[in-house]
């Protein structure tokens, strides 16, 4: 995992907010996938805020998209925000680039 990667969690009602910081590589992708698989079903929506990412490495992006295993119905409850949102968004997920 990139030494500077971190996931900060915040719960707001029935929503989970995950703020990603640092560099997103393959190990970071697996960390995010595992967190989503254990937490996602407890919340109506999961917001993944990407403005704290310094860079999204191509391998991290590929691992996240190919290994997440989320179906379209699962992805509908995952909302990506920030500049790097389009890099990580899954099929069926919402993307809001301007939200911080």
PDB file of N, CA and C in Angstrom:
ATOM      1  N   UNK A   1       0.846  -1.172   0.000  1.00  0.00           N
ATOM      2  CA  UNK A   1       0.000   0.000   0.000  1.00  0.00           C
ATOM      3  C   UNK A   1       0.889   1.231   0.000  1.00  0.00           C
ATOM      4  N   UNK A   2       0.436   2.249  -0.710  1.00  0.00           N
ATOM      5  CA  UNK A   2       1.170   3.510  -0.708  1.00  0.00           C
ATOM      6  C   UNK A   2       1.288   3.981   0.738  1.00  0.00           C
ATOM      7  N   UNK A   3       2.488   4.341   1.134  1.00  0.00           N
ATOM      8  CA  UNK A   3       2.739   4.720   2.513  1.00  0.00           C
ATOM      9  C   UNK A   3       1.925   5.893   3.003  1.00  0.00           C
ATOM     10  N   UNK A   4       1.449   6.721   2.091  1.00  0.00           N
ATOM     11  CA  UNK A   4       0.709   7.906   2.509  1.00  0.00           C
ATOM     12  C   UNK A   4      -0.801   7.753   2.316  1.00  0.00           C
ATOM     13  N   UNK A   5      -1.281   6.559   1.937  1.00  0.00           N
ATOM     14  CA  UNK A   5      -2.719   6.362   1.708  1.00  0.00           C
ATOM     15  C   UNK A   5      -3.443   6.158   3.027  1.00  0.00           C
ATOM     16  N   UNK A   6      -4.631   6.773   3.123  1.00  0.00           N
ATOM     17  CA  UNK A   6      -5.433   6.644   4.330  1.00  0.00           C
ATOM     18  C   UNK A   6      -6.901   6.766   3.960  1.00  0.00           C
ATOM     19  N   UNK A   7      -7.752   6.098   4.725  1.00  0.00           N
ATOM     20  CA  UNK A   7      -9.201   6.225   4.571  1.00  0.00           C
ATOM     21  C   UNK A   7      -9.751   6.742   5.890  1.00  0.00           C
ATOM     22  N   UNK A   8     -10.368   7.916   5.849  1.00  0.00           N
ATOM     23  CA  UNK A   8     -11.001   8.500   7.024  1.00  0.00           C
ATOM     24  C   UNK A   8     -12.498   8.242   6.922  1.00  0.00           C
ATOM     25  N   UNK A   9     -13.108   7.716   8.001  1.00  0.00           N
ATOM     26  CA  UNK A   9     -14.533   7.390   7.994  1.00  0.00           C
ATOM     27  C   UNK A   9     -15.317   8.359   8.856  1.00  0.00           C
ATOM     28  N   UNK A  10     -16.531   8.670   8.383  1.00  0.00           N
ATOM     29  CA  UNK A  10     -17.456   9.519   9.133  1.00  0.00           C
ATOM     30  C   UNK A  10     -18.866   9.007   8.858  1.00  0.00           C
ATOM     31  N   UNK A  11     -19.661   8.859   9.911  1.00  0.00           N
ATOM     32  CA  UNK A  11     -21.044   8.410   9.759  1.00  0.00           C
ATOM     33  C   UNK A  11     -21.959   9.599   9.978  1.00  0.00           C
ATOM     34  N   UNK A  12     -22.921   9.755   9.066  1.00  0.00           N
ATOM     35  CA  UNK A  12     -23.913  10.825   9.155  1.00  0.00           C
ATOM     36  C   UNK A  12     -25.283  10.205   8.908  1.00  0.00           C
ATOM     37  N   UNK A  13     -26.003   9.914   9.972  1.00  0.00           N
ATOM     38  CA  UNK A  13     -27.300   9.255   9.840  1.00  0.00           C
ATOM     39  C   UNK A  13     -27.132   7.880   9.228  1.00  0.00           C
ATOM     40  N   UNK A  14     -27.812   7.650   8.101  1.00  0.00           N
ATOM     41  CA  UNK A  14     -27.722   6.348   7.429  1.00  0.00           C
ATOM     42  C   UNK A  14     -26.686   6.351   6.308  1.00  0.00           C
ATOM     43  N   UNK A  15     -25.822   7.372   6.301  1.00  0.00           N
ATOM     44  CA  UNK A  15     -24.798   7.505   5.258  1.00  0.00           C
ATOM     45  C   UNK A  15     -23.396   7.330   5.837  1.00  0.00           C
ATOM     46  N   UNK A  16     -22.551   6.665   5.075  1.00  0.00           N
ATOM     47  CA  UNK A  16     -21.142   6.517   5.430  1.00  0.00           C
ATOM     48  C   UNK A  16     -20.328   7.371   4.473  1.00  0.00           C
ATOM     49  N   UNK A  17     -19.441   8.186   5.014  1.00  0.00           N
ATOM     50  CA  UNK A  17     -18.558   9.024   4.204  1.00  0.00           C
ATOM     51  C   UNK A  17     -17.132   8.512   4.369  1.00  0.00           C
ATOM     52  N   UNK A  18     -16.474   8.248   3.251  1.00  0.00           N
ATOM     53  CA  UNK A  18     -15.080   7.804   3.241  1.00  0.00           C
ATOM     54  C   UNK A  18     -14.257   8.842   2.502  1.00  0.00           C
ATOM     55  N   UNK A  19     -13.288   9.415   3.194  1.00  0.00           N
ATOM     56  CA  UNK A  19     -12.405  10.403   2.568  1.00  0.00           C
ATOM     57  C   UNK A  19     -11.070   9.722   2.305  1.00  0.00           C
ATOM     58  N   UNK A  20     -10.705   9.643   1.035  1.00  0.00           N
ATOM     59  CA  UNK A  20      -9.449   9.006   0.637  1.00  0.00           C
ATOM     60  C   UNK A  20      -8.355  10.059   0.556  1.00  0.00           C
ATOM     61  N   UNK A  21      -7.194   9.752   1.128  1.00  0.00           N
ATOM     62  CA  UNK A  21      -6.069  10.681   1.068  1.00  0.00           C
ATOM     63  C   UNK A  21      -4.808   9.937   0.635  1.00  0.00           C
ATOM     64  N   UNK A  22      -3.896  10.665   0.002  1.00  0.00           N
ATOM     65  CA  UNK A  22      -2.613  10.100  -0.414  1.00  0.00           C
ATOM     66  C   UNK A  22      -2.635   9.584  -1.839  1.00  0.00           C
ATOM     67  N   UNK A  23      -1.843   8.555  -2.097  1.00  0.00           N
ATOM     68  CA  UNK A  23      -1.729   7.949  -3.428  1.00  0.00           C
ATOM     69  C   UNK A  23      -2.516   6.640  -3.460  1.00  0.00           C
ATOM     70  N   UNK A  24      -3.304   6.450  -4.507  1.00  0.00           N
ATOM     71  CA  UNK A  24      -4.159   5.270  -4.647  1.00  0.00           C
ATOM     72  C   UNK A  24      -3.483   4.264  -5.571  1.00  0.00           C
ATOM     73  N   UNK A  25      -2.974   3.169  -4.976  1.00  0.00           N
ATOM     74  CA  UNK A  25      -2.321   2.115  -5.761  1.00  0.00           C
ATOM     75  C   UNK A  25      -3.112   0.813  -5.615  1.00  0.00           C
ATOM     76  N   UNK A  26      -2.552  -0.297  -6.056  1.00  0.00           N
ATOM     77  CA  UNK A  26      -3.248  -1.576  -6.001  1.00  0.00           C
ATOM     78  C   UNK A  26      -3.616  -2.009  -4.592  1.00  0.00           C
ATOM     79  N   UNK A  27      -2.700  -1.858  -3.658  1.00  0.00           N
ATOM     80  CA  UNK A  27      -2.983  -2.232  -2.269  1.00  0.00           C
ATOM     81  C   UNK A  27      -4.044  -1.330  -1.659  1.00  0.00           C
ATOM     82  N   UNK A  28      -4.000  -0.058  -2.023  1.00  0.00           N
ATOM     83  CA  UNK A  28      -5.018   0.883  -1.556  1.00  0.00           C
ATOM     84  C   UNK A  28      -6.388   0.469  -2.075  1.00  0.00           C
ATOM     85  N   UNK A  29      -6.424   0.005  -3.318  1.00  0.00           N
ATOM     86  CA  UNK A  29      -7.682  -0.449  -3.921  1.00  0.00           C
ATOM     87  C   UNK A  29      -8.257  -1.615  -3.126  1.00  0.00           C
ATOM     88  N   UNK A  30      -7.423  -2.582  -2.774  1.00  0.00           N
ATOM     89  CA  UNK A  30      -7.905  -3.721  -1.990  1.00  0.00           C
ATOM     90  C   UNK A  30      -8.376  -3.280  -0.610  1.00  0.00           C
ATOM     91  N   UNK A  31      -7.696  -2.322  -0.003  1.00  0.00           N
ATOM     92  CA  UNK A  31      -8.125  -1.821   1.302  1.00  0.00           C
ATOM     93  C   UNK A  31      -9.521  -1.200   1.191  1.00  0.00           C
ATOM     94  N   UNK A  32      -9.743  -0.399   0.157  1.00  0.00           N
ATOM     95  CA  UNK A  32     -11.052   0.223  -0.043  1.00  0.00           C
ATOM     96  C   UNK A  32     -12.115  -0.834  -0.350  1.00  0.00           C
ATOM     97  N   UNK A  33     -11.801  -1.799  -1.196  1.00  0.00           N
ATOM     98  CA  UNK A  33     -12.751  -2.873  -1.521  1.00  0.00           C
ATOM     99  C   UNK A  33     -13.163  -3.623  -0.258  1.00  0.00           C
ATOM    100  N   UNK A  34     -12.199  -4.010   0.562  1.00  0.00           N
ATOM    101  CA  UNK A  34     -12.505  -4.751   1.789  1.00  0.00           C
ATOM    102  C   UNK A  34     -13.355  -3.925   2.742  1.00  0.00           C
ATOM    103  N   UNK A  35     -13.062  -2.650   2.866  1.00  0.00           N
ATOM    104  CA  UNK A  35     -13.848  -1.775   3.729  1.00  0.00           C
ATOM    105  C   UNK A  35     -15.280  -1.664   3.218  1.00  0.00           C
ATOM    106  N   UNK A  36     -15.440  -1.474   1.920  1.00  0.00           N
ATOM    107  CA  UNK A  36     -16.782  -1.380   1.340  1.00  0.00           C
ATOM    108  C   UNK A  36     -17.565  -2.676   1.528  1.00  0.00           C
ATOM    109  N   UNK A  37     -16.925  -3.800   1.351  1.00  0.00           N
ATOM    110  CA  UNK A  37     -17.627  -5.083   1.489  1.00  0.00           C
ATOM    111  C   UNK A  37     -18.081  -5.333   2.921  1.00  0.00           C
ATOM    112  N   UNK A  38     -17.348  -4.834   3.905  1.00  0.00           N
ATOM    113  CA  UNK A  38     -17.738  -5.052   5.299  1.00  0.00           C
ATOM    114  C   UNK A  38     -18.708  -3.998   5.819  1.00  0.00           C
ATOM    115  N   UNK A  39     -18.700  -2.807   5.260  1.00  0.00           N
ATOM    116  CA  UNK A  39     -19.517  -1.708   5.800  1.00  0.00           C
ATOM    117  C   UNK A  39     -20.724  -1.327   4.946  1.00  0.00           C
ATOM    118  N   UNK A  40     -20.648  -1.515   3.635  1.00  0.00           N
ATOM    119  CA  UNK A  40     -21.649  -0.951   2.732  1.00  0.00           C
ATOM    120  C   UNK A  40     -23.083  -1.344   3.069  1.00  0.00           C
ATOM    121  N   UNK A  41     -23.329  -2.573   3.423  1.00  0.00           N
ATOM    122  CA  UNK A  41     -24.699  -3.032   3.646  1.00  0.00           C
ATOM    123  C   UNK A  41     -25.347  -2.407   4.875  1.00  0.00           C
ATOM    124  N   UNK A  42     -24.586  -1.792   5.743  1.00  0.00           N
ATOM    125  CA  UNK A  42     -25.134  -1.159   6.946  1.00  0.00           C
ATOM    126  C   UNK A  42     -25.663   0.249   6.685  1.00  0.00           C
ATOM    127  N   UNK A  43     -25.404   0.776   5.497  1.00  0.00           N
ATOM    128  CA  UNK A  43     -25.755   2.162   5.199  1.00  0.00           C
ATOM    129  C   UNK A  43     -26.568   2.250   3.917  1.00  0.00           C
ATOM    130  N   UNK A  44     -27.433   3.278   3.846  1.00  0.00           N
ATOM    131  CA  UNK A  44     -28.225   3.441   2.625  1.00  0.00           C
ATOM    132  C   UNK A  44     -27.365   3.986   1.490  1.00  0.00           C
ATOM    133  N   UNK A  45     -26.397   4.833   1.821  1.00  0.00           N
ATOM    134  CA  UNK A  45     -25.488   5.380   0.809  1.00  0.00           C
ATOM    135  C   UNK A  45     -24.084   5.466   1.374  1.00  0.00           C
ATOM    136  N   UNK A  46     -23.122   5.283   0.475  1.00  0.00           N
ATOM    137  CA  UNK A  46     -21.714   5.450   0.836  1.00  0.00           C
ATOM    138  C   UNK A  46     -21.141   6.508  -0.094  1.00  0.00           C
ATOM    139  N   UNK A  47     -20.615   7.567   0.499  1.00  0.00           N
ATOM    140  CA  UNK A  47     -19.972   8.636  -0.264  1.00  0.00           C
ATOM    141  C   UNK A  47     -18.465   8.425  -0.181  1.00  0.00           C
ATOM    142  N   UNK A  48     -17.820   8.367  -1.330  1.00  0.00           N
ATOM    143  CA  UNK A  48     -16.365   8.232  -1.378  1.00  0.00           C
ATOM    144  C   UNK A  48     -15.813   9.542  -1.916  1.00  0.00           C
ATOM    145  N   UNK A  49     -15.185  10.302  -1.024  1.00  0.00           N
ATOM    146  CA  UNK A  49     -14.653  11.624  -1.355  1.00  0.00           C
ATOM    147  C   UNK A  49     -13.192  11.478  -1.788  1.00  0.00           C
ATOM    148  N   UNK A  50     -12.891  11.927  -3.001  1.00  0.00           N
ATOM    149  CA  UNK A  50     -11.565  11.688  -3.591  1.00  0.00           C
ATOM    150  C   UNK A  50     -10.665  12.916  -3.645  1.00  0.00           C
ATOM    151  N   UNK A  51     -11.130  14.068  -3.170  1.00  0.00           N
ATOM    152  CA  UNK A  51     -10.312  15.282  -3.291  1.00  0.00           C
ATOM    153  C   UNK A  51      -8.998  15.213  -2.521  1.00  0.00           C
ATOM    154  N   UNK A  52      -8.898  14.311  -1.546  1.00  0.00           N
ATOM    155  CA  UNK A  52      -7.660  14.175  -0.786  1.00  0.00           C
ATOM    156  C   UNK A  52      -6.607  13.308  -1.465  1.00  0.00           C
ATOM    157  N   UNK A  53      -6.972  12.704  -2.595  1.00  0.00           N
ATOM    158  CA  UNK A  53      -5.998  11.873  -3.308  1.00  0.00           C
ATOM    159  C   UNK A  53      -5.008  12.743  -4.064  1.00  0.00           C
ATOM    160  N   UNK A  54      -3.731  12.419  -3.911  1.00  0.00           N
ATOM    161  CA  UNK A  54      -2.700  13.139  -4.663  1.00  0.00           C
ATOM    162  C   UNK A  54      -2.611  12.601  -6.078  1.00  0.00           C
ATOM    163  N   UNK A  55      -2.713  11.264  -6.205  1.00  0.00           N
ATOM    164  CA  UNK A  55      -2.734  10.667  -7.540  1.00  0.00           C
ATOM    165  C   UNK A  55      -3.400   9.303  -7.476  1.00  0.00           C
ATOM    166  N   UNK A  56      -3.987   8.934  -8.607  1.00  0.00           N
ATOM    167  CA  UNK A  56      -4.577   7.608  -8.776  1.00  0.00           C
ATOM    168  C   UNK A  56      -3.702   6.879  -9.788  1.00  0.00           C
ATOM    169  N   UNK A  57      -2.988   5.887  -9.313  1.00  0.00           N
ATOM    170  CA  UNK A  57      -2.111   5.123 -10.198  1.00  0.00           C
ATOM    171  C   UNK A  57      -2.957   4.188 -11.064  1.00  0.00           C
ATOM    172  N   UNK A  58      -2.572   4.004 -12.324  1.00  0.00           N
ATOM    173  CA  UNK A  58      -3.371   3.162 -13.234  1.00  0.00           C
ATOM    174  C   UNK A  58      -3.645   1.761 -12.687  1.00  0.00           C
ATOM    175  N   UNK A  59      -2.659   1.154 -12.023  1.00  0.00           N
ATOM    176  CA  UNK A  59      -2.865  -0.190 -11.487  1.00  0.00           C
ATOM    177  C   UNK A  59      -3.900  -0.174 -10.368  1.00  0.00           C
ATOM    178  N   UNK A  60      -3.889   0.861  -9.533  1.00  0.00           N
ATOM    179  CA  UNK A  60      -4.884   0.982  -8.468  1.00  0.00           C
ATOM    180  C   UNK A  60      -6.287   1.105  -9.025  1.00  0.00           C
ATOM    181  N   UNK A  61      -6.418   1.920 -10.044  1.00  0.00           N
ATOM    182  CA  UNK A  61      -7.711   2.105 -10.720  1.00  0.00           C
ATOM    183  C   UNK A  61      -8.202   0.782 -11.298  1.00  0.00           C
ATOM    184  N   UNK A  62      -7.332   0.062 -11.982  1.00  0.00           N
ATOM    185  CA  UNK A  62      -7.700  -1.211 -12.607  1.00  0.00           C
ATOM    186  C   UNK A  62      -8.082  -2.256 -11.567  1.00  0.00           C
ATOM    187  N   UNK A  63      -7.309  -2.351 -10.493  1.00  0.00           N
ATOM    188  CA  UNK A  63      -7.618  -3.311  -9.430  1.00  0.00           C
ATOM    189  C   UNK A  63      -8.977  -2.988  -8.826  1.00  0.00           C
ATOM    190  N   UNK A  64      -9.231  -1.730  -8.524  1.00  0.00           N
ATOM    191  CA  UNK A  64     -10.496  -1.359  -7.897  1.00  0.00           C
ATOM    192  C   UNK A  64     -11.676  -1.702  -8.794  1.00  0.00           C
ATOM    193  N   UNK A  65     -11.585  -1.342 -10.038  1.00  0.00           N
ATOM    194  CA  UNK A  65     -12.708  -1.586 -10.957  1.00  0.00           C
ATOM    195  C   UNK A  65     -12.902  -3.073 -11.262  1.00  0.00           C
ATOM    196  N   UNK A  66     -11.820  -3.816 -11.389  1.00  0.00           N
ATOM    197  CA  UNK A  66     -11.951  -5.223 -11.793  1.00  0.00           C
ATOM    198  C   UNK A  66     -12.179  -6.175 -10.624  1.00  0.00           C
ATOM    199  N   UNK A  67     -11.751  -5.812  -9.432  1.00  0.00           N
ATOM    200  CA  UNK A  67     -11.820  -6.731  -8.298  1.00  0.00           C
ATOM    201  C   UNK A  67     -12.900  -6.411  -7.271  1.00  0.00           C
ATOM    202  N   UNK A  68     -13.602  -5.288  -7.433  1.00  0.00           N
ATOM    203  CA  UNK A  68     -14.582  -4.909  -6.408  1.00  0.00           C
ATOM    204  C   UNK A  68     -15.722  -5.916  -6.323  1.00  0.00           C
ATOM    205  N   UNK A  69     -16.155  -6.462  -7.461  1.00  0.00           N
ATOM    206  CA  UNK A  69     -17.213  -7.459  -7.449  1.00  0.00           C
ATOM    207  C   UNK A  69     -18.605  -6.919  -7.183  1.00  0.00           C
ATOM    208  N   UNK A  70     -18.769  -5.597  -7.175  1.00  0.00           N
ATOM    209  CA  UNK A  70     -20.092  -5.024  -6.926  1.00  0.00           C
ATOM    210  C   UNK A  70     -20.946  -5.103  -8.175  1.00  0.00           C
ATOM    211  N   UNK A  71     -22.201  -5.454  -7.984  1.00  0.00           N
ATOM    212  CA  UNK A  71     -23.156  -5.472  -9.089  1.00  0.00           C
ATOM    213  C   UNK A  71     -23.746  -4.078  -9.240  1.00  0.00           C
ATOM    214  N   UNK A  72     -24.465  -3.838 -10.315  1.00  0.00           N
ATOM    215  CA  UNK A  72     -25.023  -2.512 -10.583  1.00  0.00           C
ATOM    216  C   UNK A  72     -25.911  -2.042  -9.428  1.00  0.00           C
ATOM    217  N   UNK A  73     -26.718  -2.932  -8.840  1.00  0.00           N
ATOM    218  CA  UNK A  73     -27.574  -2.541  -7.717  1.00  0.00           C
ATOM    219  C   UNK A  73     -26.747  -2.111  -6.515  1.00  0.00           C
ATOM    220  N   UNK A  74     -25.634  -2.787  -6.266  1.00  0.00           N
ATOM    221  CA  UNK A  74     -24.746  -2.411  -5.165  1.00  0.00           C
ATOM    222  C   UNK A  74     -24.131  -1.046  -5.421  1.00  0.00           C
ATOM    223  N   UNK A  75     -23.699  -0.835  -6.656  1.00  0.00           N
ATOM    224  CA  UNK A  75     -22.985   0.388  -7.010  1.00  0.00           C
ATOM    225  C   UNK A  75     -23.869   1.622  -6.950  1.00  0.00           C
ATOM    226  N   UNK A  76     -25.180   1.453  -7.102  1.00  0.00           N
ATOM    227  CA  UNK A  76     -26.088   2.600  -7.101  1.00  0.00           C
ATOM    228  C   UNK A  76     -26.055   3.342  -5.774  1.00  0.00           C
ATOM    229  N   UNK A  77     -25.718   2.659  -4.703  1.00  0.00           N
ATOM    230  CA  UNK A  77     -25.672   3.285  -3.389  1.00  0.00           C
ATOM    231  C   UNK A  77     -24.297   3.866  -3.072  1.00  0.00           C
ATOM    232  N   UNK A  78     -23.355   3.773  -4.012  1.00  0.00           N
ATOM    233  CA  UNK A  78     -22.006   4.303  -3.814  1.00  0.00           C
ATOM    234  C   UNK A  78     -21.854   5.547  -4.681  1.00  0.00           C
ATOM    235  N   UNK A  79     -21.552   6.667  -4.030  1.00  0.00           N
ATOM    236  CA  UNK A  79     -21.450   7.949  -4.728  1.00  0.00           C
ATOM    237  C   UNK A  79     -20.022   8.457  -4.592  1.00  0.00           C
ATOM    238  N   UNK A  80     -19.390   8.715  -5.712  1.00  0.00           N
ATOM    239  CA  UNK A  80     -18.019   9.216  -5.742  1.00  0.00           C
ATOM    240  C   UNK A  80     -18.043  10.721  -5.932  1.00  0.00           C
ATOM    241  N   UNK A  81     -17.237  11.432  -5.144  1.00  0.00           N
ATOM    242  CA  UNK A  81     -17.162  12.881  -5.257  1.00  0.00           C
ATOM    243  C   UNK A  81     -15.708  13.315  -5.435  1.00  0.00           C
ATOM    244  N   UNK A  82     -15.522  14.507  -5.982  1.00  0.00           N
ATOM    245  CA  UNK A  82     -14.190  15.083  -6.096  1.00  0.00           C
ATOM    246  C   UNK A  82     -13.556  14.905  -7.456  1.00  0.00           C
ATOM    247  N   UNK A  83     -12.383  15.477  -7.588  1.00  0.00           N
ATOM    248  CA  UNK A  83     -11.667  15.490  -8.866  1.00  0.00           C
ATOM    249  C   UNK A  83     -11.336  14.101  -9.391  1.00  0.00           C
ATOM    250  N   UNK A  84     -11.029  13.176  -8.510  1.00  0.00           N
ATOM    251  CA  UNK A  84     -10.645  11.824  -8.943  1.00  0.00           C
ATOM    252  C   UNK A  84     -11.836  10.877  -9.037  1.00  0.00           C
ATOM    253  N   UNK A  85     -13.043  11.378  -8.810  1.00  0.00           N
ATOM    254  CA  UNK A  85     -14.242  10.533  -8.850  1.00  0.00           C
ATOM    255  C   UNK A  85     -14.382   9.764 -10.159  1.00  0.00           C
ATOM    256  N   UNK A  86     -14.199  10.408 -11.320  1.00  0.00           N
ATOM    257  CA  UNK A  86     -14.350   9.655 -12.575  1.00  0.00           C
ATOM    258  C   UNK A  86     -13.328   8.524 -12.728  1.00  0.00           C
ATOM    259  N   UNK A  87     -12.170   8.655 -12.085  1.00  0.00           N
ATOM    260  CA  UNK A  87     -11.141   7.617 -12.178  1.00  0.00           C
ATOM    261  C   UNK A  87     -11.544   6.335 -11.453  1.00  0.00           C
ATOM    262  N   UNK A  88     -12.348   6.470 -10.392  1.00  0.00           N
ATOM    263  CA  UNK A  88     -12.664   5.318  -9.552  1.00  0.00           C
ATOM    264  C   UNK A  88     -14.094   4.820  -9.678  1.00  0.00           C
ATOM    265  N   UNK A  89     -14.992   5.618 -10.221  1.00  0.00           N
ATOM    266  CA  UNK A  89     -16.414   5.264 -10.238  1.00  0.00           C
ATOM    267  C   UNK A  89     -16.663   3.924 -10.910  1.00  0.00           C
ATOM    268  N   UNK A  90     -17.544   3.165 -10.298  1.00  0.00           N
ATOM    269  CA  UNK A  90     -17.949   1.864 -10.813  1.00  0.00           C
ATOM    270  C   UNK A  90     -19.169   2.041 -11.707  1.00  0.00           C
ATOM    271  N   UNK A  91     -19.421   1.097 -12.579  1.00  0.00           N
ATOM    272  CA  UNK A  91     -20.618   1.150 -13.405  1.00  0.00           C
ATOM    273  C   UNK A  91     -21.856   1.192 -12.529  1.00  0.00           C
ATOM    274  N   UNK A  92     -22.716   2.167 -12.742  1.00  0.00           N
ATOM    275  CA  UNK A  92     -23.925   2.320 -11.946  1.00  0.00           C
ATOM    276  C   UNK A  92     -23.773   3.272 -10.783  1.00  0.00           C
ATOM    277  N   UNK A  93     -22.554   3.692 -10.466  1.00  0.00           N
ATOM    278  CA  UNK A  93     -22.326   4.636  -9.373  1.00  0.00           C
ATOM    279  C   UNK A  93     -22.557   6.059  -9.838  1.00  0.00           C
ATOM    280  N   UNK A  94     -22.957   6.898  -8.895  1.00  0.00           N
ATOM    281  CA  UNK A  94     -23.098   8.321  -9.180  1.00  0.00           C
ATOM    282  C   UNK A  94     -21.739   8.992  -9.015  1.00  0.00           C
ATOM    283  N   UNK A  95     -21.514  10.030  -9.812  1.00  0.00           N
ATOM    284  CA  UNK A  95     -20.272  10.805  -9.739  1.00  0.00           C
ATOM    285  C   UNK A  95     -20.636  12.266  -9.609  1.00  0.00           C
ATOM    286  N   UNK A  96     -20.075  12.919  -8.578  1.00  0.00           N
ATOM    287  CA  UNK A  96     -20.277  14.342  -8.372  1.00  0.00           C
ATOM    288  C   UNK A  96     -18.903  14.969  -8.240  1.00  0.00           C
ATOM    289  N   UNK A  97     -18.388  15.534  -9.314  1.00  0.00           N
ATOM    290  CA  UNK A  97     -17.015  16.044  -9.318  1.00  0.00           C
ATOM    291  C   UNK A  97     -16.828  17.289  -8.470  1.00  0.00           C
ATOM    292  N   UNK A  98     -17.830  18.148  -8.375  1.00  0.00           N
ATOM    293  CA  UNK A  98     -17.654  19.415  -7.683  1.00  0.00           C
ATOM    294  C   UNK A  98     -17.803  19.351  -6.189  1.00  0.00           C
ATOM    295  N   UNK A  99     -18.365  18.280  -5.639  1.00  0.00           N
ATOM    296  CA  UNK A  99     -18.613  18.176  -4.205  1.00  0.00           C
ATOM    297  C   UNK A  99     -17.314  17.915  -3.473  1.00  0.00           C
ATOM    298  N   UNK A 100     -17.096  18.603  -2.356  1.00  0.00           N
ATOM    299  CA  UNK A 100     -15.866  18.400  -1.577  1.00  0.00           C
ATOM    300  C   UNK A 100     -16.150  17.833  -0.220  1.00  0.00           C
TER     301      UNK A 100
END
